[in-house]
N, C-alpha and C. Protein backbone atom coordinates (compact mmCIF):
# COMPACT_ATOMS: atom_id res chain seq x y z
N MET A 1 -15.61 37.71 -24.65
CA MET A 1 -15.53 38.95 -25.44
C MET A 1 -15.71 40.15 -24.52
N ILE A 2 -14.89 41.17 -24.72
CA ILE A 2 -14.93 42.35 -23.88
C ILE A 2 -16.21 43.15 -24.14
N GLN A 3 -16.78 43.69 -23.07
CA GLN A 3 -18.02 44.44 -23.17
C GLN A 3 -17.73 45.94 -23.23
N GLU A 4 -18.70 46.70 -23.75
CA GLU A 4 -18.52 48.14 -23.95
C GLU A 4 -18.19 48.85 -22.64
N ASN A 5 -18.88 48.46 -21.56
CA ASN A 5 -18.61 49.12 -20.28
C ASN A 5 -17.20 48.82 -19.77
N GLU A 6 -16.69 47.62 -20.08
CA GLU A 6 -15.32 47.27 -19.69
C GLU A 6 -14.32 48.13 -20.45
N ILE A 7 -14.60 48.35 -21.73
CA ILE A 7 -13.71 49.17 -22.55
C ILE A 7 -13.58 50.57 -21.97
N GLU A 8 -14.71 51.14 -21.60
CA GLU A 8 -14.68 52.50 -21.07
C GLU A 8 -14.00 52.56 -19.71
N GLU A 9 -14.15 51.52 -18.90
CA GLU A 9 -13.46 51.48 -17.61
C GLU A 9 -11.95 51.39 -17.81
N ILE A 10 -11.54 50.62 -18.81
CA ILE A 10 -10.11 50.51 -19.11
C ILE A 10 -9.55 51.86 -19.54
N MET A 11 -10.31 52.59 -20.34
CA MET A 11 -9.83 53.88 -20.81
C MET A 11 -9.79 54.93 -19.71
N LYS A 12 -10.43 54.65 -18.59
CA LYS A 12 -10.39 55.57 -17.44
C LYS A 12 -9.21 55.27 -16.51
N LEU A 13 -8.46 54.22 -16.81
CA LEU A 13 -7.34 53.86 -15.95
C LEU A 13 -6.35 55.02 -15.88
N PRO A 14 -5.83 55.31 -14.69
CA PRO A 14 -4.92 56.46 -14.55
C PRO A 14 -3.54 56.17 -15.13
N GLY A 15 -2.99 57.18 -15.77
CA GLY A 15 -1.62 57.06 -16.24
C GLY A 15 -1.49 57.00 -17.75
N GLU A 16 -0.26 57.15 -18.19
CA GLU A 16 0.05 57.17 -19.61
C GLU A 16 1.29 56.31 -19.88
N PHE A 17 1.47 55.97 -21.14
CA PHE A 17 2.69 55.26 -21.54
C PHE A 17 3.23 55.93 -22.79
N ARG A 18 4.52 55.79 -22.97
CA ARG A 18 5.21 56.50 -24.04
C ARG A 18 4.93 55.87 -25.40
N GLY A 19 4.82 56.71 -26.41
CA GLY A 19 4.58 56.24 -27.76
C GLY A 19 5.65 55.30 -28.27
N SER A 20 6.88 55.45 -27.76
CA SER A 20 7.96 54.55 -28.18
C SER A 20 7.65 53.12 -27.79
N ALA A 21 7.01 52.94 -26.63
CA ALA A 21 6.61 51.59 -26.20
C ALA A 21 5.51 51.06 -27.10
N PHE A 22 4.58 51.94 -27.48
CA PHE A 22 3.50 51.56 -28.38
C PHE A 22 4.07 51.11 -29.72
N ALA A 23 5.01 51.89 -30.23
CA ALA A 23 5.61 51.56 -31.52
C ALA A 23 6.35 50.23 -31.46
N THR A 24 7.02 49.97 -30.34
CA THR A 24 7.73 48.71 -30.16
C THR A 24 6.78 47.53 -30.16
N ASP A 25 5.66 47.69 -29.45
CA ASP A 25 4.65 46.62 -29.40
C ASP A 25 4.10 46.33 -30.80
N MET A 26 3.84 47.39 -31.53
CA MET A 26 3.23 47.20 -32.84
C MET A 26 4.22 46.66 -33.87
N SER A 27 5.52 46.90 -33.66
CA SER A 27 6.51 46.32 -34.57
C SER A 27 6.51 44.80 -34.44
N TYR A 28 6.17 44.32 -33.24
CA TYR A 28 6.06 42.88 -33.03
C TYR A 28 4.90 42.31 -33.85
N VAL A 29 3.76 43.00 -33.83
CA VAL A 29 2.61 42.56 -34.61
C VAL A 29 2.94 42.60 -36.09
N LEU A 30 3.61 43.65 -36.52
CA LEU A 30 3.95 43.81 -37.94
C LEU A 30 4.88 42.69 -38.41
N LYS A 31 5.87 42.37 -37.60
CA LYS A 31 6.81 41.31 -37.98
C LYS A 31 6.14 39.94 -38.00
N ARG A 32 5.21 39.76 -37.09
CA ARG A 32 4.58 38.44 -36.97
C ARG A 32 3.43 38.24 -37.93
N LEU A 33 2.65 39.31 -38.15
CA LEU A 33 1.42 39.16 -38.93
C LEU A 33 1.32 40.10 -40.13
N GLY A 34 2.31 40.95 -40.29
CA GLY A 34 2.34 41.84 -41.43
C GLY A 34 1.36 43.00 -41.31
N LYS A 35 1.31 43.79 -42.37
CA LYS A 35 0.44 44.97 -42.38
C LYS A 35 -1.03 44.60 -42.22
N GLU A 36 -1.38 43.45 -42.76
CA GLU A 36 -2.78 42.99 -42.64
C GLU A 36 -3.15 42.78 -41.17
N GLY A 37 -2.19 42.28 -40.39
CA GLY A 37 -2.45 42.09 -38.97
C GLY A 37 -2.68 43.41 -38.26
N LEU A 38 -1.85 44.41 -38.58
CA LEU A 38 -2.05 45.73 -37.98
C LEU A 38 -3.39 46.32 -38.36
N GLU A 39 -3.78 46.13 -39.60
CA GLU A 39 -5.07 46.67 -40.06
C GLU A 39 -6.23 46.02 -39.32
N LYS A 40 -6.12 44.73 -39.06
CA LYS A 40 -7.17 44.03 -38.31
C LYS A 40 -7.25 44.56 -36.88
N LEU A 41 -6.09 44.82 -36.32
CA LEU A 41 -6.04 45.36 -34.96
C LEU A 41 -6.65 46.76 -34.92
N GLU A 42 -6.32 47.57 -35.90
CA GLU A 42 -6.88 48.92 -35.98
C GLU A 42 -8.40 48.86 -36.14
N ALA A 43 -8.88 47.92 -36.95
CA ALA A 43 -10.32 47.78 -37.17
C ALA A 43 -11.04 47.41 -35.88
N LYS A 44 -10.41 46.51 -35.10
CA LYS A 44 -11.03 46.10 -33.83
C LYS A 44 -11.10 47.28 -32.87
N LEU A 45 -10.03 48.03 -32.76
CA LEU A 45 -10.02 49.18 -31.84
C LEU A 45 -11.00 50.25 -32.31
N SER A 46 -11.15 50.41 -33.62
CA SER A 46 -12.14 51.36 -34.15
C SER A 46 -13.55 50.92 -33.79
N SER A 47 -13.79 49.61 -33.85
CA SER A 47 -15.11 49.09 -33.48
C SER A 47 -15.40 49.30 -32.00
N TRP A 48 -14.32 49.43 -31.21
CA TRP A 48 -14.45 49.71 -29.77
C TRP A 48 -14.48 51.21 -29.50
N LYS A 49 -14.50 52.01 -30.57
CA LYS A 49 -14.60 53.48 -30.50
C LYS A 49 -13.36 54.13 -29.90
N HIS A 50 -12.22 53.46 -30.05
CA HIS A 50 -10.94 54.04 -29.62
C HIS A 50 -9.90 53.74 -30.70
N PRO A 51 -10.07 54.38 -31.86
CA PRO A 51 -9.19 54.08 -32.99
C PRO A 51 -7.74 54.49 -32.75
N VAL A 52 -6.85 53.72 -33.33
CA VAL A 52 -5.42 54.01 -33.27
C VAL A 52 -4.84 53.82 -34.67
N ALA A 53 -4.16 54.83 -35.16
CA ALA A 53 -3.44 54.72 -36.43
C ALA A 53 -1.98 54.46 -36.09
N TYR A 54 -1.58 53.20 -36.12
CA TYR A 54 -0.25 52.83 -35.62
C TYR A 54 0.88 53.52 -36.37
N GLU A 55 0.72 53.76 -37.66
CA GLU A 55 1.77 54.40 -38.43
C GLU A 55 1.96 55.86 -38.05
N ARG A 56 0.98 56.43 -37.34
CA ARG A 56 1.08 57.84 -36.93
C ARG A 56 1.49 58.00 -35.47
N ILE A 57 1.79 56.92 -34.81
CA ILE A 57 2.21 57.00 -33.42
C ILE A 57 3.50 57.81 -33.30
N LYS A 58 3.51 58.77 -32.39
CA LYS A 58 4.70 59.58 -32.13
C LYS A 58 5.43 59.02 -30.91
N LYS A 59 6.68 58.65 -31.10
CA LYS A 59 7.41 57.95 -30.05
C LYS A 59 7.61 58.78 -28.79
N ALA A 60 7.68 60.10 -28.91
CA ALA A 60 7.94 60.94 -27.74
C ALA A 60 6.67 61.36 -27.01
N ILE A 61 5.51 61.06 -27.61
CA ILE A 61 4.24 61.49 -27.03
C ILE A 61 3.73 60.47 -26.02
N TRP A 62 3.04 60.98 -24.99
CA TRP A 62 2.41 60.11 -24.00
C TRP A 62 0.99 59.79 -24.44
N TYR A 63 0.59 58.52 -24.29
CA TYR A 63 -0.76 58.07 -24.64
C TYR A 63 -1.43 57.44 -23.43
N PRO A 64 -2.77 57.46 -23.38
CA PRO A 64 -3.47 56.83 -22.25
C PRO A 64 -3.07 55.37 -22.10
N ILE A 65 -2.76 54.97 -20.88
CA ILE A 65 -2.30 53.60 -20.66
C ILE A 65 -3.39 52.59 -21.03
N GLY A 66 -4.64 53.03 -20.98
CA GLY A 66 -5.73 52.15 -21.38
C GLY A 66 -5.62 51.68 -22.81
N LEU A 67 -5.00 52.49 -23.67
CA LEU A 67 -4.84 52.09 -25.07
C LEU A 67 -3.88 50.91 -25.22
N GLN A 68 -2.86 50.86 -24.37
CA GLN A 68 -1.96 49.71 -24.43
C GLN A 68 -2.69 48.44 -23.99
N VAL A 69 -3.47 48.57 -22.92
CA VAL A 69 -4.25 47.42 -22.45
C VAL A 69 -5.23 46.98 -23.52
N LEU A 70 -5.95 47.93 -24.11
CA LEU A 70 -6.93 47.58 -25.15
C LEU A 70 -6.27 46.93 -26.36
N SER A 71 -5.08 47.40 -26.73
CA SER A 71 -4.42 46.81 -27.89
C SER A 71 -4.05 45.36 -27.63
N PHE A 72 -3.66 45.04 -26.40
CA PHE A 72 -3.36 43.64 -26.04
C PHE A 72 -4.63 42.80 -26.06
N LEU A 73 -5.69 43.33 -25.48
CA LEU A 73 -6.96 42.61 -25.45
C LEU A 73 -7.53 42.42 -26.85
N ALA A 74 -7.35 43.43 -27.70
CA ALA A 74 -7.80 43.32 -29.08
C ALA A 74 -7.03 42.23 -29.82
N ALA A 75 -5.72 42.15 -29.55
CA ALA A 75 -4.90 41.11 -30.18
C ALA A 75 -5.36 39.72 -29.75
N GLU A 76 -5.72 39.58 -28.48
CA GLU A 76 -6.22 38.29 -28.02
C GLU A 76 -7.51 37.93 -28.74
N GLU A 77 -8.36 38.93 -28.94
CA GLU A 77 -9.66 38.66 -29.55
C GLU A 77 -9.55 38.43 -31.07
N VAL A 78 -8.73 39.23 -31.74
CA VAL A 78 -8.62 39.16 -33.20
C VAL A 78 -7.79 37.97 -33.66
N PHE A 79 -6.66 37.75 -32.95
CA PHE A 79 -5.72 36.72 -33.39
C PHE A 79 -5.79 35.44 -32.57
N GLY A 80 -6.64 35.43 -31.54
CA GLY A 80 -6.71 34.25 -30.68
C GLY A 80 -5.46 34.09 -29.83
N TRP A 81 -4.80 35.20 -29.52
CA TRP A 81 -3.58 35.13 -28.74
C TRP A 81 -3.86 34.71 -27.30
N THR A 82 -2.86 34.09 -26.71
CA THR A 82 -2.93 33.65 -25.31
C THR A 82 -1.93 34.46 -24.49
N GLU A 83 -1.81 34.13 -23.22
CA GLU A 83 -0.84 34.80 -22.36
C GLU A 83 0.57 34.65 -22.91
N LYS A 84 0.86 33.50 -23.51
CA LYS A 84 2.19 33.27 -24.05
C LYS A 84 2.52 34.29 -25.14
N ASP A 85 1.56 34.62 -25.98
CA ASP A 85 1.80 35.59 -27.05
C ASP A 85 2.07 36.98 -26.48
N ILE A 86 1.31 37.37 -25.46
CA ILE A 86 1.53 38.68 -24.83
C ILE A 86 2.90 38.70 -24.14
N HIS A 87 3.25 37.58 -23.51
CA HIS A 87 4.56 37.45 -22.88
C HIS A 87 5.66 37.59 -23.93
N ASP A 88 5.47 36.95 -25.07
CA ASP A 88 6.46 37.01 -26.15
C ASP A 88 6.61 38.44 -26.69
N MET A 89 5.50 39.16 -26.76
CA MET A 89 5.56 40.55 -27.22
C MET A 89 6.43 41.37 -26.26
N GLY A 90 6.19 41.18 -24.96
CA GLY A 90 7.02 41.88 -23.98
C GLY A 90 8.46 41.44 -24.04
N TYR A 91 8.66 40.14 -24.26
CA TYR A 91 10.01 39.56 -24.28
C TYR A 91 10.86 40.17 -25.41
N LEU A 92 10.24 40.41 -26.55
CA LEU A 92 10.98 40.96 -27.68
C LEU A 92 11.07 42.49 -27.64
N GLY A 93 10.38 43.09 -26.67
CA GLY A 93 10.35 44.54 -26.57
C GLY A 93 11.71 45.21 -26.45
N PRO A 94 12.58 44.78 -25.51
CA PRO A 94 13.88 45.45 -25.36
C PRO A 94 14.74 45.42 -26.62
N GLU A 95 14.64 44.36 -27.41
CA GLU A 95 15.43 44.29 -28.63
C GLU A 95 14.93 45.26 -29.69
N ASN A 96 13.64 45.57 -29.66
CA ASN A 96 13.05 46.45 -30.67
C ASN A 96 12.92 47.89 -30.22
N SER A 97 13.26 48.16 -28.96
CA SER A 97 13.07 49.49 -28.38
C SER A 97 14.28 50.39 -28.62
N PHE A 98 14.03 51.54 -29.22
CA PHE A 98 15.10 52.52 -29.44
C PHE A 98 15.65 53.01 -28.10
N THR A 99 14.76 53.23 -27.13
CA THR A 99 15.18 53.69 -25.81
C THR A 99 16.11 52.67 -25.16
N MET A 100 15.74 51.39 -25.26
CA MET A 100 16.55 50.35 -24.62
C MET A 100 17.89 50.18 -25.32
N LYS A 101 17.94 50.41 -26.61
CA LYS A 101 19.22 50.31 -27.31
C LYS A 101 20.19 51.36 -26.80
N ILE A 102 19.66 52.55 -26.50
CA ILE A 102 20.50 53.61 -25.95
C ILE A 102 20.96 53.25 -24.54
N VAL A 103 20.02 52.77 -23.73
CA VAL A 103 20.34 52.40 -22.35
C VAL A 103 21.40 51.31 -22.31
N LEU A 104 21.21 50.26 -23.10
CA LEU A 104 22.14 49.13 -23.10
C LEU A 104 23.50 49.51 -23.67
N LYS A 105 23.50 50.51 -24.53
CA LYS A 105 24.77 50.97 -25.10
C LYS A 105 25.59 51.71 -24.05
N HIS A 106 24.91 52.51 -23.22
CA HIS A 106 25.62 53.35 -22.25
C HIS A 106 25.76 52.70 -20.88
N PHE A 107 24.89 51.76 -20.57
CA PHE A 107 24.95 51.10 -19.26
C PHE A 107 25.18 49.61 -19.46
N VAL A 108 26.35 49.29 -19.96
CA VAL A 108 26.68 47.90 -20.25
C VAL A 108 26.86 47.14 -18.94
N GLY A 109 26.29 45.96 -18.90
CA GLY A 109 26.45 45.11 -17.73
C GLY A 109 25.23 45.13 -16.83
N LEU A 110 25.11 44.07 -16.06
CA LEU A 110 23.95 43.88 -15.21
C LEU A 110 23.82 44.94 -14.13
N LYS A 111 24.89 45.22 -13.40
CA LYS A 111 24.81 46.13 -12.26
C LYS A 111 24.36 47.52 -12.67
N LYS A 112 24.97 48.08 -13.72
CA LYS A 112 24.62 49.43 -14.15
C LYS A 112 23.21 49.48 -14.70
N THR A 113 22.83 48.48 -15.48
CA THR A 113 21.47 48.46 -16.02
C THR A 113 20.45 48.32 -14.91
N TYR A 114 20.77 47.47 -13.92
CA TYR A 114 19.87 47.29 -12.77
C TYR A 114 19.68 48.60 -12.03
N GLN A 115 20.77 49.34 -11.85
CA GLN A 115 20.70 50.62 -11.15
C GLN A 115 19.87 51.63 -11.93
N GLN A 116 19.87 51.49 -13.25
CA GLN A 116 19.14 52.42 -14.10
C GLN A 116 17.70 52.00 -14.38
N SER A 117 17.29 50.85 -13.86
CA SER A 117 15.95 50.34 -14.17
C SER A 117 14.83 51.29 -13.75
N PRO A 118 14.93 52.05 -12.63
CA PRO A 118 13.87 53.02 -12.35
C PRO A 118 13.75 54.08 -13.44
N PHE A 119 14.88 54.51 -14.00
CA PHE A 119 14.86 55.47 -15.11
C PHE A 119 14.20 54.84 -16.34
N ILE A 120 14.53 53.58 -16.61
CA ILE A 120 13.94 52.88 -17.75
C ILE A 120 12.42 52.86 -17.60
N TRP A 121 11.98 52.57 -16.37
CA TRP A 121 10.54 52.52 -16.11
C TRP A 121 9.88 53.86 -16.37
N SER A 122 10.43 54.92 -15.76
CA SER A 122 9.81 56.24 -15.88
C SER A 122 9.86 56.80 -17.29
N SER A 123 10.74 56.27 -18.12
CA SER A 123 10.78 56.70 -19.52
C SER A 123 9.68 56.04 -20.34
N HIS A 124 9.08 54.99 -19.80
CA HIS A 124 8.00 54.27 -20.50
C HIS A 124 6.61 54.53 -19.90
N TYR A 125 6.53 54.71 -18.58
CA TYR A 125 5.25 54.87 -17.91
C TYR A 125 5.24 56.08 -16.99
N SER A 126 4.11 56.79 -16.99
CA SER A 126 3.99 57.97 -16.12
C SER A 126 3.48 57.59 -14.74
N VAL A 127 3.04 56.35 -14.58
CA VAL A 127 2.54 55.87 -13.30
C VAL A 127 3.35 54.67 -12.84
N GLY A 128 3.27 54.40 -11.55
CA GLY A 128 4.02 53.28 -11.01
C GLY A 128 5.43 53.72 -10.64
N ARG A 129 6.02 52.93 -9.79
CA ARG A 129 7.37 53.24 -9.30
C ARG A 129 8.16 51.95 -9.19
N LEU A 130 9.20 51.83 -10.00
CA LEU A 130 10.02 50.63 -9.97
C LEU A 130 11.21 50.85 -9.03
N VAL A 131 11.42 49.88 -8.16
CA VAL A 131 12.57 49.92 -7.27
C VAL A 131 13.34 48.61 -7.45
N ASN A 132 14.63 48.68 -7.14
CA ASN A 132 15.48 47.49 -7.29
C ASN A 132 16.16 47.20 -5.96
N PRO A 133 15.48 46.48 -5.08
CA PRO A 133 15.95 46.30 -3.71
C PRO A 133 17.07 45.30 -3.51
N ASP A 134 17.30 44.42 -4.47
CA ASP A 134 18.28 43.37 -4.19
C ASP A 134 18.88 42.80 -5.47
N LEU A 135 20.20 42.90 -5.55
CA LEU A 135 20.95 42.31 -6.66
C LEU A 135 22.13 41.55 -6.08
N LYS A 136 22.28 40.31 -6.48
CA LYS A 136 23.41 39.50 -6.03
C LYS A 136 23.97 38.76 -7.23
N ASP A 137 25.19 39.11 -7.62
CA ASP A 137 25.79 38.50 -8.80
C ASP A 137 27.06 37.74 -8.44
N ALA A 138 27.05 37.13 -7.26
CA ALA A 138 28.18 36.31 -6.82
C ALA A 138 27.67 35.18 -5.95
N GLY A 139 28.47 34.13 -5.83
CA GLY A 139 28.06 33.00 -5.01
C GLY A 139 27.06 32.10 -5.73
N GLU A 140 26.39 31.27 -4.96
CA GLU A 140 25.48 30.29 -5.55
C GLU A 140 24.08 30.85 -5.78
N GLU A 141 23.68 31.87 -5.02
CA GLU A 141 22.32 32.40 -5.10
C GLU A 141 22.29 33.72 -5.87
N LYS A 142 22.65 33.70 -7.13
CA LYS A 142 22.64 34.91 -7.94
C LYS A 142 21.21 35.27 -8.31
N HIS A 143 20.84 36.52 -8.10
CA HIS A 143 19.47 36.93 -8.41
C HIS A 143 19.35 38.45 -8.51
N ALA A 144 18.26 38.87 -9.12
CA ALA A 144 17.90 40.28 -9.19
C ALA A 144 16.41 40.39 -8.91
N VAL A 145 16.05 41.35 -8.06
CA VAL A 145 14.65 41.55 -7.67
C VAL A 145 14.18 42.90 -8.22
N PHE A 146 13.02 42.89 -8.87
CA PHE A 146 12.41 44.11 -9.39
C PHE A 146 11.03 44.25 -8.74
N GLN A 147 10.76 45.40 -8.16
CA GLN A 147 9.46 45.64 -7.54
C GLN A 147 8.81 46.87 -8.16
N ILE A 148 7.52 46.77 -8.48
CA ILE A 148 6.78 47.88 -9.07
C ILE A 148 5.61 48.22 -8.14
N PHE A 149 5.64 49.43 -7.60
CA PHE A 149 4.60 49.88 -6.68
C PHE A 149 3.64 50.83 -7.40
N ASP A 150 2.44 50.94 -6.85
CA ASP A 150 1.43 51.89 -7.34
C ASP A 150 1.13 51.67 -8.82
N PHE A 151 0.96 50.40 -9.19
CA PHE A 151 0.72 50.08 -10.60
C PHE A 151 -0.28 48.93 -10.70
N LYS A 152 -1.49 49.19 -10.25
CA LYS A 152 -2.55 48.20 -10.38
C LYS A 152 -3.42 48.60 -11.56
N ILE A 153 -2.98 48.20 -12.75
CA ILE A 153 -3.62 48.64 -13.99
C ILE A 153 -4.51 47.55 -14.58
N HIS A 154 -3.90 46.44 -15.00
CA HIS A 154 -4.64 45.31 -15.58
C HIS A 154 -3.73 44.09 -15.56
N PRO A 155 -4.28 42.90 -15.26
CA PRO A 155 -3.44 41.69 -15.19
C PRO A 155 -2.66 41.39 -16.46
N ILE A 156 -3.16 41.82 -17.62
CA ILE A 156 -2.46 41.52 -18.86
C ILE A 156 -1.08 42.18 -18.91
N LEU A 157 -0.94 43.29 -18.17
CA LEU A 157 0.36 43.95 -18.13
C LEU A 157 1.37 43.18 -17.29
N CYS A 158 0.88 42.38 -16.35
CA CYS A 158 1.79 41.52 -15.57
C CYS A 158 2.50 40.54 -16.52
N THR A 159 1.73 39.97 -17.41
CA THR A 159 2.27 39.02 -18.38
C THR A 159 3.26 39.69 -19.32
N TYR A 160 2.89 40.86 -19.81
CA TYR A 160 3.74 41.62 -20.72
C TYR A 160 5.05 42.02 -20.04
N LEU A 161 4.95 42.55 -18.84
CA LEU A 161 6.14 43.02 -18.12
C LEU A 161 7.06 41.87 -17.73
N ALA A 162 6.49 40.72 -17.44
CA ALA A 162 7.31 39.55 -17.12
C ALA A 162 8.22 39.22 -18.31
N GLY A 163 7.66 39.26 -19.50
CA GLY A 163 8.46 38.99 -20.69
C GLY A 163 9.53 40.05 -20.90
N TYR A 164 9.15 41.30 -20.69
CA TYR A 164 10.07 42.42 -20.92
C TYR A 164 11.26 42.36 -19.95
N ILE A 165 10.97 42.18 -18.67
CA ILE A 165 12.04 42.18 -17.66
C ILE A 165 12.93 40.95 -17.83
N LEU A 166 12.35 39.82 -18.16
CA LEU A 166 13.15 38.62 -18.40
C LEU A 166 14.16 38.87 -19.52
N LYS A 167 13.70 39.45 -20.63
CA LYS A 167 14.60 39.71 -21.75
C LYS A 167 15.68 40.71 -21.37
N LEU A 168 15.30 41.72 -20.60
CA LEU A 168 16.28 42.70 -20.15
C LEU A 168 17.39 42.04 -19.35
N CYS A 169 17.01 41.11 -18.48
CA CYS A 169 18.00 40.38 -17.68
C CYS A 169 18.90 39.54 -18.59
N GLU A 170 18.33 38.88 -19.57
CA GLU A 170 19.11 38.06 -20.48
C GLU A 170 20.11 38.89 -21.27
N LEU A 171 19.67 40.05 -21.72
CA LEU A 171 20.56 40.92 -22.50
C LEU A 171 21.73 41.41 -21.66
N THR A 172 21.47 41.75 -20.42
CA THR A 172 22.55 42.28 -19.59
C THR A 172 23.47 41.17 -19.08
N LEU A 173 22.95 39.95 -19.02
CA LEU A 173 23.80 38.82 -18.64
C LEU A 173 24.52 38.24 -19.86
N HIS A 174 24.10 38.66 -21.05
CA HIS A 174 24.72 38.26 -22.32
C HIS A 174 24.57 36.77 -22.64
N ASP A 175 23.68 36.08 -21.95
CA ASP A 175 23.47 34.66 -22.23
C ASP A 175 22.19 34.21 -21.55
N LYS A 176 21.15 33.97 -22.37
CA LYS A 176 19.87 33.59 -21.78
C LYS A 176 19.92 32.25 -21.06
N LYS A 177 20.90 31.42 -21.40
CA LYS A 177 21.01 30.12 -20.75
C LYS A 177 21.42 30.23 -19.29
N ARG A 178 21.93 31.40 -18.91
CA ARG A 178 22.32 31.58 -17.51
C ARG A 178 21.11 31.68 -16.58
N ILE A 179 19.98 32.15 -17.12
CA ILE A 179 18.77 32.29 -16.30
C ILE A 179 18.23 30.90 -15.96
N THR A 180 18.10 30.63 -14.67
CA THR A 180 17.57 29.34 -14.24
C THR A 180 16.10 29.41 -13.88
N SER A 181 15.63 30.60 -13.46
CA SER A 181 14.20 30.76 -13.17
C SER A 181 13.84 32.24 -13.20
N PHE A 182 12.59 32.49 -13.54
CA PHE A 182 12.08 33.86 -13.53
C PHE A 182 10.60 33.77 -13.20
N GLU A 183 10.17 34.56 -12.22
CA GLU A 183 8.75 34.48 -11.83
C GLU A 183 8.28 35.78 -11.19
N GLU A 184 6.97 36.00 -11.28
CA GLU A 184 6.35 37.09 -10.54
C GLU A 184 5.93 36.53 -9.19
N THR A 185 6.66 36.88 -8.17
CA THR A 185 6.44 36.30 -6.85
C THR A 185 5.38 37.04 -6.04
N ARG A 186 5.13 38.28 -6.41
CA ARG A 186 4.07 39.06 -5.77
C ARG A 186 3.32 39.84 -6.84
N CYS A 187 2.04 40.11 -6.59
CA CYS A 187 1.21 40.80 -7.58
C CYS A 187 0.09 41.55 -6.88
N THR A 188 -0.16 42.78 -7.29
CA THR A 188 -1.22 43.56 -6.65
C THR A 188 -2.59 42.95 -6.90
N PHE A 189 -2.73 42.18 -7.98
CA PHE A 189 -4.01 41.53 -8.26
C PHE A 189 -4.21 40.27 -7.42
N ARG A 190 -3.19 39.91 -6.65
CA ARG A 190 -3.32 38.82 -5.69
C ARG A 190 -3.34 39.37 -4.26
N GLY A 191 -3.47 40.68 -4.14
CA GLY A 191 -3.55 41.31 -2.83
C GLY A 191 -2.24 41.80 -2.26
N ASP A 192 -1.16 41.71 -3.02
CA ASP A 192 0.14 42.16 -2.53
C ASP A 192 0.29 43.66 -2.73
N GLU A 193 1.27 44.25 -2.05
CA GLU A 193 1.45 45.69 -2.12
C GLU A 193 2.18 46.13 -3.39
N CYS A 194 2.77 45.18 -4.10
CA CYS A 194 3.50 45.52 -5.32
C CYS A 194 3.58 44.31 -6.23
N HIS A 195 4.05 44.55 -7.43
CA HIS A 195 4.45 43.46 -8.33
C HIS A 195 5.92 43.19 -8.05
N GLU A 196 6.28 41.94 -7.92
CA GLU A 196 7.68 41.61 -7.68
C GLU A 196 8.10 40.51 -8.64
N PHE A 197 9.17 40.78 -9.38
CA PHE A 197 9.73 39.81 -10.32
C PHE A 197 11.13 39.46 -9.85
N ILE A 198 11.43 38.15 -9.84
CA ILE A 198 12.75 37.72 -9.42
C ILE A 198 13.38 36.85 -10.51
N ALA A 199 14.56 37.26 -10.94
CA ALA A 199 15.34 36.47 -11.90
C ALA A 199 16.48 35.79 -11.14
N ARG A 200 16.69 34.52 -11.40
CA ARG A 200 17.81 33.78 -10.79
C ARG A 200 18.65 33.18 -11.91
N TRP A 201 19.95 33.14 -11.69
CA TRP A 201 20.84 32.60 -12.73
C TRP A 201 22.03 31.90 -12.10
N LYS A 202 22.78 31.20 -12.95
CA LYS A 202 23.91 30.44 -12.47
C LYS A 202 25.21 31.11 -12.89
């Protein structure tokens, strides 16, 4: 169980995230657990002295990144969620995101979406820097590499982002069966200089 001092340290984490991302995350809870689930989550966050009224979230407003972390931790505590559940929330994010629907509409295809991934990142987070150093969509070793620098926030976000980026790759490849592997090969919480996610496909 999370302690009060941990909660306050999380809320001191530098950076913000867009309300649209918050709304997307909460739509997952609503679809899975209904309004009662959201109310339980709100009650838990209120008990932690950081209340959130999900129905009043403004998509264009920036919120403390600590609130996203706390909402994930609250879901684990209230619903008994595991890493898989947080991964699934991230995985369904691109399909539920208004921002991503616009991006995918205008940047159809893997190459264009990959090139726009730093923009996608900065539209969701005020901290961190996503770079796309390597894309290969020909031959036997097809892959895409995503690196996120200056983003040592909380390990739970590694799980969430892994799901999100995996789904983004599947959507741009138009067939999830093409993905043969996806992994976080580097992580700042393991002492690396960045988070690195690599998708491989056939």
